[in-house]
């Protein structure tokens, strides 16, 4: 009889050989191995330490992207610790012909908002804004040609709404809820 606090493990190896119609199965006990009893560690509920970083609540931001004479997108983004983004891309037949074949018209708009931790009046209300807008170029009637406008800027939304303007009539309006 083995003591209760000791456990033993038996390893068995099984091999099978095929020789025509004959088969042979052999089992071999390799070794007995002594296994120590398991260790159990218990902890109380986890609490953040004094210097631990607390995740901020999501910040909701109303966003409006405008091009000349049209709203490209209007909606709300919830910025968590990693930020938030929106993107739309359309590529379709342009109804025109280029030297390389049928031309296409491309449109794209995207915005990415990333929370920053800096000297804003309200920590977490400072936002890095990245906007990209691709539209048909006026040259050649927009057939296969595009114009791209990009805007990158930091804004502090704790002081109120922000309005950013870019080239080509691009306007970005941000308002914290």
C-alpha atoms as a PDB file:
ATOM      1  CA  UNK A   1       0.000   0.000   0.000  1.00  0.00           C
ATOM      2  CA  UNK A   2       1.299   3.479  -0.943  1.00  0.00           C
ATOM      3  CA  UNK A   3       1.002   6.432   1.443  1.00  0.00           C
ATOM      4  CA  UNK A   4      -1.960   8.727   0.548  1.00  0.00           C
ATOM      5  CA  UNK A   5       0.184  11.798  -0.111  1.00  0.00           C
ATOM      6  CA  UNK A   6       2.241  10.056  -2.793  1.00  0.00           C
ATOM      7  CA  UNK A   7       1.027   9.383  -6.318  1.00  0.00           C
ATOM      8  CA  UNK A   8       2.557   7.122  -8.890  1.00  0.00           C
ATOM      9  CA  UNK A   9       2.261   7.346 -12.644  1.00  0.00           C
ATOM     10  CA  UNK A  10       2.552   4.414 -15.005  1.00  0.00           C
ATOM     11  CA  UNK A  11       3.670   5.145 -18.563  1.00  0.00           C
ATOM     12  CA  UNK A  12       2.568   2.646 -21.200  1.00  0.00           C
ATOM     13  CA  UNK A  13       3.753   2.602 -24.790  1.00  0.00           C
ATOM     14  CA  UNK A  14       1.757   0.799 -27.426  1.00  0.00           C
ATOM     15  CA  UNK A  15       3.258  -0.143 -30.777  1.00  0.00           C
ATOM     16  CA  UNK A  16       1.626  -1.858 -33.675  1.00  0.00           C
ATOM     17  CA  UNK A  17       3.416  -3.578 -36.535  1.00  0.00           C
ATOM     18  CA  UNK A  18       1.814  -4.704 -39.745  1.00  0.00           C
ATOM     19  CA  UNK A  19       3.363  -7.691 -41.487  1.00  0.00           C
ATOM     20  CA  UNK A  20       1.022  -8.746 -44.207  1.00  0.00           C
ATOM     21  CA  UNK A  21      -2.058 -10.201 -42.492  1.00  0.00           C
ATOM     22  CA  UNK A  22      -0.381 -10.521 -39.107  1.00  0.00           C
ATOM     23  CA  UNK A  23      -0.472  -7.797 -36.543  1.00  0.00           C
ATOM     24  CA  UNK A  24       1.204  -7.601 -33.213  1.00  0.00           C
ATOM     25  CA  UNK A  25       0.438  -5.323 -30.295  1.00  0.00           C
ATOM     26  CA  UNK A  26       2.969  -4.932 -27.567  1.00  0.00           C
ATOM     27  CA  UNK A  27       2.647  -2.924 -24.391  1.00  0.00           C
ATOM     28  CA  UNK A  28       5.634  -2.031 -22.338  1.00  0.00           C
ATOM     29  CA  UNK A  29       5.670  -0.402 -18.940  1.00  0.00           C
ATOM     30  CA  UNK A  30       8.584   2.014 -19.088  1.00  0.00           C
ATOM     31  CA  UNK A  31       8.850   3.371 -15.617  1.00  0.00           C
ATOM     32  CA  UNK A  32       7.217   4.321 -12.424  1.00  0.00           C
ATOM     33  CA  UNK A  33       7.639   7.981 -11.622  1.00  0.00           C
ATOM     34  CA  UNK A  34       6.963   9.649  -8.330  1.00  0.00           C
ATOM     35  CA  UNK A  35       4.731  12.748  -8.662  1.00  0.00           C
ATOM     36  CA  UNK A  36       4.622  15.281  -5.816  1.00  0.00           C
ATOM     37  CA  UNK A  37       1.230  16.340  -4.455  1.00  0.00           C
ATOM     38  CA  UNK A  38      -0.330  19.396  -6.177  1.00  0.00           C
ATOM     39  CA  UNK A  39       0.136  22.859  -4.716  1.00  0.00           C
ATOM     40  CA  UNK A  40      -2.922  25.048  -4.235  1.00  0.00           C
ATOM     41  CA  UNK A  41      -2.561  28.813  -3.979  1.00  0.00           C
ATOM     42  CA  UNK A  42      -5.484  31.033  -3.164  1.00  0.00           C
ATOM     43  CA  UNK A  43      -5.678  34.804  -3.466  1.00  0.00           C
ATOM     44  CA  UNK A  44      -8.231  37.350  -2.442  1.00  0.00           C
ATOM     45  CA  UNK A  45     -10.046  39.626  -4.870  1.00  0.00           C
ATOM     46  CA  UNK A  46      -7.723  41.718  -7.048  1.00  0.00           C
ATOM     47  CA  UNK A  47      -7.666  45.407  -6.196  1.00  0.00           C
ATOM     48  CA  UNK A  48      -5.778  48.073  -8.120  1.00  0.00           C
ATOM     49  CA  UNK A  49      -2.726  49.348  -6.300  1.00  0.00           C
ATOM     50  CA  UNK A  50      -2.290  53.043  -5.553  1.00  0.00           C
ATOM     51  CA  UNK A  51      -0.252  53.611  -8.732  1.00  0.00           C
ATOM     52  CA  UNK A  52      -2.383  51.415 -11.011  1.00  0.00           C
ATOM     53  CA  UNK A  53      -3.847  52.972 -14.132  1.00  0.00           C
ATOM     54  CA  UNK A  54      -7.641  53.064 -14.280  1.00  0.00           C
ATOM     55  CA  UNK A  55      -9.229  52.693 -17.716  1.00  0.00           C
ATOM     56  CA  UNK A  56     -11.173  55.782 -18.720  1.00  0.00           C
ATOM     57  CA  UNK A  57     -14.869  55.625 -19.486  1.00  0.00           C
ATOM     58  CA  UNK A  58     -15.625  55.778 -23.232  1.00  0.00           C
ATOM     59  CA  UNK A  59     -15.893  59.349 -24.481  1.00  0.00           C
ATOM     60  CA  UNK A  60     -18.654  59.910 -27.048  1.00  0.00           C
ATOM     61  CA  UNK A  61     -17.890  62.378 -29.812  1.00  0.00           C
ATOM     62  CA  UNK A  62     -20.291  63.693 -32.472  1.00  0.00           C
ATOM     63  CA  UNK A  63     -18.423  63.885 -35.790  1.00  0.00           C
ATOM     64  CA  UNK A  64     -19.306  65.695 -39.012  1.00  0.00           C
ATOM     65  CA  UNK A  65     -17.104  65.436 -42.138  1.00  0.00           C
ATOM     66  CA  UNK A  66     -17.908  67.871 -44.936  1.00  0.00           C
ATOM     67  CA  UNK A  67     -16.594  68.406 -48.418  1.00  0.00           C
ATOM     68  CA  UNK A  68     -17.499  71.322 -50.663  1.00  0.00           C
ATOM     69  CA  UNK A  69     -21.295  71.438 -50.744  1.00  0.00           C
ATOM     70  CA  UNK A  70     -21.902  67.979 -49.208  1.00  0.00           C
ATOM     71  CA  UNK A  71     -21.765  66.099 -45.919  1.00  0.00           C
ATOM     72  CA  UNK A  72     -19.422  63.135 -46.311  1.00  0.00           C
ATOM     73  CA  UNK A  73     -20.390  61.514 -42.989  1.00  0.00           C
ATOM     74  CA  UNK A  74     -22.131  62.437 -39.793  1.00  0.00           C
ATOM     75  CA  UNK A  75     -22.306  60.183 -36.743  1.00  0.00           C
ATOM     76  CA  UNK A  76     -21.057  59.420 -33.257  1.00  0.00           C
ATOM     77  CA  UNK A  77     -17.879  57.595 -32.238  1.00  0.00           C
ATOM     78  CA  UNK A  78     -17.216  56.171 -28.764  1.00  0.00           C
ATOM     79  CA  UNK A  79     -13.542  56.563 -27.899  1.00  0.00           C
ATOM     80  CA  UNK A  80     -12.233  53.895 -25.573  1.00  0.00           C
ATOM     81  CA  UNK A  81      -8.650  53.555 -24.443  1.00  0.00           C
ATOM     82  CA  UNK A  82      -7.590  52.656 -28.009  1.00  0.00           C
ATOM     83  CA  UNK A  83      -9.630  55.345 -29.774  1.00  0.00           C
ATOM     84  CA  UNK A  84     -12.200  54.881 -32.546  1.00  0.00           C
ATOM     85  CA  UNK A  85     -12.367  55.117 -36.328  1.00  0.00           C
ATOM     86  CA  UNK A  86     -14.759  55.159 -39.285  1.00  0.00           C
ATOM     87  CA  UNK A  87     -14.023  54.525 -42.981  1.00  0.00           C
ATOM     88  CA  UNK A  88     -15.961  54.352 -46.231  1.00  0.00           C
ATOM     89  CA  UNK A  89     -14.526  53.602 -49.670  1.00  0.00           C
ATOM     90  CA  UNK A  90     -16.318  53.433 -53.039  1.00  0.00           C
ATOM     91  CA  UNK A  91     -14.813  52.586 -56.425  1.00  0.00           C
ATOM     92  CA  UNK A  92     -17.185  52.376 -59.377  1.00  0.00           C
ATOM     93  CA  UNK A  93     -17.311  52.646 -63.159  1.00  0.00           C
ATOM     94  CA  UNK A  94     -16.890  56.247 -64.198  1.00  0.00           C
ATOM     95  CA  UNK A  95     -18.739  56.069 -67.501  1.00  0.00           C
ATOM     96  CA  UNK A  96     -15.661  57.311 -69.303  1.00  0.00           C
ATOM     97  CA  UNK A  97     -12.709  55.876 -71.168  1.00  0.00           C
ATOM     98  CA  UNK A  98      -9.010  56.328 -70.452  1.00  0.00           C
ATOM     99  CA  UNK A  99      -6.071  55.267 -72.628  1.00  0.00           C
ATOM    100  CA  UNK A 100      -5.958  52.117 -70.439  1.00  0.00           C
ATOM    101  CA  UNK A 101      -9.631  51.161 -70.698  1.00  0.00           C
ATOM    102  CA  UNK A 102     -12.747  52.008 -68.743  1.00  0.00           C
ATOM    103  CA  UNK A 103     -12.158  54.701 -66.128  1.00  0.00           C
ATOM    104  CA  UNK A 104     -13.218  54.482 -62.512  1.00  0.00           C
ATOM    105  CA  UNK A 105     -14.332  57.054 -60.010  1.00  0.00           C
ATOM    106  CA  UNK A 106     -13.012  56.669 -56.471  1.00  0.00           C
ATOM    107  CA  UNK A 107     -14.287  58.235 -53.285  1.00  0.00           C
ATOM    108  CA  UNK A 108     -13.005  57.592 -49.788  1.00  0.00           C
ATOM    109  CA  UNK A 109     -13.412  59.224 -46.411  1.00  0.00           C
ATOM    110  CA  UNK A 110     -11.984  58.106 -43.077  1.00  0.00           C
ATOM    111  CA  UNK A 111     -11.451  59.501 -39.612  1.00  0.00           C
ATOM    112  CA  UNK A 112      -9.498  58.157 -36.660  1.00  0.00           C
ATOM    113  CA  UNK A 113      -9.684  59.653 -33.172  1.00  0.00           C
ATOM    114  CA  UNK A 114      -7.140  58.654 -30.526  1.00  0.00           C
ATOM    115  CA  UNK A 115      -7.296  59.842 -26.927  1.00  0.00           C
ATOM    116  CA  UNK A 116      -4.150  61.474 -25.611  1.00  0.00           C
ATOM    117  CA  UNK A 117      -2.939  62.057 -22.095  1.00  0.00           C
ATOM    118  CA  UNK A 118      -1.410  65.474 -21.882  1.00  0.00           C
ATOM    119  CA  UNK A 119      -2.051  68.837 -20.272  1.00  0.00           C
ATOM    120  CA  UNK A 120      -5.705  69.145 -21.329  1.00  0.00           C
ATOM    121  CA  UNK A 121      -8.100  70.780 -18.861  1.00  0.00           C
ATOM    122  CA  UNK A 122      -9.903  67.424 -18.608  1.00  0.00           C
ATOM    123  CA  UNK A 123      -7.470  64.468 -18.757  1.00  0.00           C
ATOM    124  CA  UNK A 124      -8.452  62.193 -21.620  1.00  0.00           C
ATOM    125  CA  UNK A 125     -10.329  64.936 -23.512  1.00  0.00           C
ATOM    126  CA  UNK A 126      -7.376  65.707 -25.778  1.00  0.00           C
ATOM    127  CA  UNK A 127      -7.763  63.867 -29.081  1.00  0.00           C
ATOM    128  CA  UNK A 128      -5.418  63.228 -32.004  1.00  0.00           C
ATOM    129  CA  UNK A 129      -7.519  63.584 -35.174  1.00  0.00           C
ATOM    130  CA  UNK A 130      -6.485  61.933 -38.469  1.00  0.00           C
ATOM    131  CA  UNK A 131      -8.733  62.475 -41.502  1.00  0.00           C
ATOM    132  CA  UNK A 132      -8.283  61.252 -45.085  1.00  0.00           C
ATOM    133  CA  UNK A 133     -10.517  62.257 -47.980  1.00  0.00           C
ATOM    134  CA  UNK A 134     -10.122  60.990 -51.562  1.00  0.00           C
ATOM    135  CA  UNK A 135     -12.352  62.447 -54.272  1.00  0.00           C
ATOM    136  CA  UNK A 136     -12.425  62.589 -58.078  1.00  0.00           C
ATOM    137  CA  UNK A 137     -10.084  65.260 -59.466  1.00  0.00           C
ATOM    138  CA  UNK A 138     -11.577  68.053 -61.514  1.00  0.00           C
ATOM    139  CA  UNK A 139      -9.007  67.481 -64.265  1.00  0.00           C
ATOM    140  CA  UNK A 140     -10.211  65.015 -66.920  1.00  0.00           C
ATOM    141  CA  UNK A 141     -13.702  65.142 -65.427  1.00  0.00           C
ATOM    142  CA  UNK A 142     -12.691  62.867 -62.545  1.00  0.00           C
ATOM    143  CA  UNK A 143     -12.241  59.901 -64.866  1.00  0.00           C
ATOM    144  CA  UNK A 144      -9.502  57.821 -63.219  1.00  0.00           C
ATOM    145  CA  UNK A 145      -7.904  60.818 -61.474  1.00  0.00           C
ATOM    146  CA  UNK A 146      -8.209  61.504 -57.748  1.00  0.00           C
ATOM    147  CA  UNK A 147      -7.272  64.181 -55.276  1.00  0.00           C
ATOM    148  CA  UNK A 148      -6.325  63.275 -51.692  1.00  0.00           C
ATOM    149  CA  UNK A 149      -6.539  65.556 -48.674  1.00  0.00           C
ATOM    150  CA  UNK A 150      -5.128  64.482 -45.294  1.00  0.00           C
ATOM    151  CA  UNK A 151      -5.390  66.308 -42.009  1.00  0.00           C
ATOM    152  CA  UNK A 152      -3.695  65.464 -38.700  1.00  0.00           C
ATOM    153  CA  UNK A 153      -4.142  67.643 -35.670  1.00  0.00           C
ATOM    154  CA  UNK A 154      -4.633  67.453 -31.893  1.00  0.00           C
ATOM    155  CA  UNK A 155      -7.641  69.124 -30.296  1.00  0.00           C
ATOM    156  CA  UNK A 156      -8.808  69.628 -26.702  1.00  0.00           C
ATOM    157  CA  UNK A 157     -12.515  68.809 -26.508  1.00  0.00           C
ATOM    158  CA  UNK A 158     -12.800  69.759 -22.813  1.00  0.00           C
ATOM    159  CA  UNK A 159     -13.087  73.440 -23.797  1.00  0.00           C
ATOM    160  CA  UNK A 160     -15.946  72.888 -26.278  1.00  0.00           C
ATOM    161  CA  UNK A 161     -16.532  71.866 -29.898  1.00  0.00           C
ATOM    162  CA  UNK A 162     -13.663  71.910 -32.388  1.00  0.00           C
ATOM    163  CA  UNK A 163     -13.724  72.829 -36.086  1.00  0.00           C
ATOM    164  CA  UNK A 164     -10.803  71.807 -38.295  1.00  0.00           C
ATOM    165  CA  UNK A 165     -10.392  72.866 -41.917  1.00  0.00           C
ATOM    166  CA  UNK A 166      -8.251  71.252 -44.584  1.00  0.00           C
ATOM    167  CA  UNK A 167      -7.451  71.842 -48.234  1.00  0.00           C
ATOM    168  CA  UNK A 168     -10.064  71.447 -50.934  1.00  0.00           C
ATOM    169  CA  UNK A 169     -12.971  72.497 -48.688  1.00  0.00           C
ATOM    170  CA  UNK A 170     -12.599  69.673 -46.128  1.00  0.00           C
ATOM    171  CA  UNK A 171     -14.199  70.544 -42.770  1.00  0.00           C
ATOM    172  CA  UNK A 172     -14.220  68.369 -39.625  1.00  0.00           C
ATOM    173  CA  UNK A 173     -16.466  69.251 -36.697  1.00  0.00           C
ATOM    174  CA  UNK A 174     -16.114  67.455 -33.354  1.00  0.00           C
ATOM    175  CA  UNK A 175     -18.284  67.846 -30.266  1.00  0.00           C
ATOM    176  CA  UNK A 176     -17.941  65.903 -27.050  1.00  0.00           C
ATOM    177  CA  UNK A 177     -21.204  64.572 -25.607  1.00  0.00           C
END
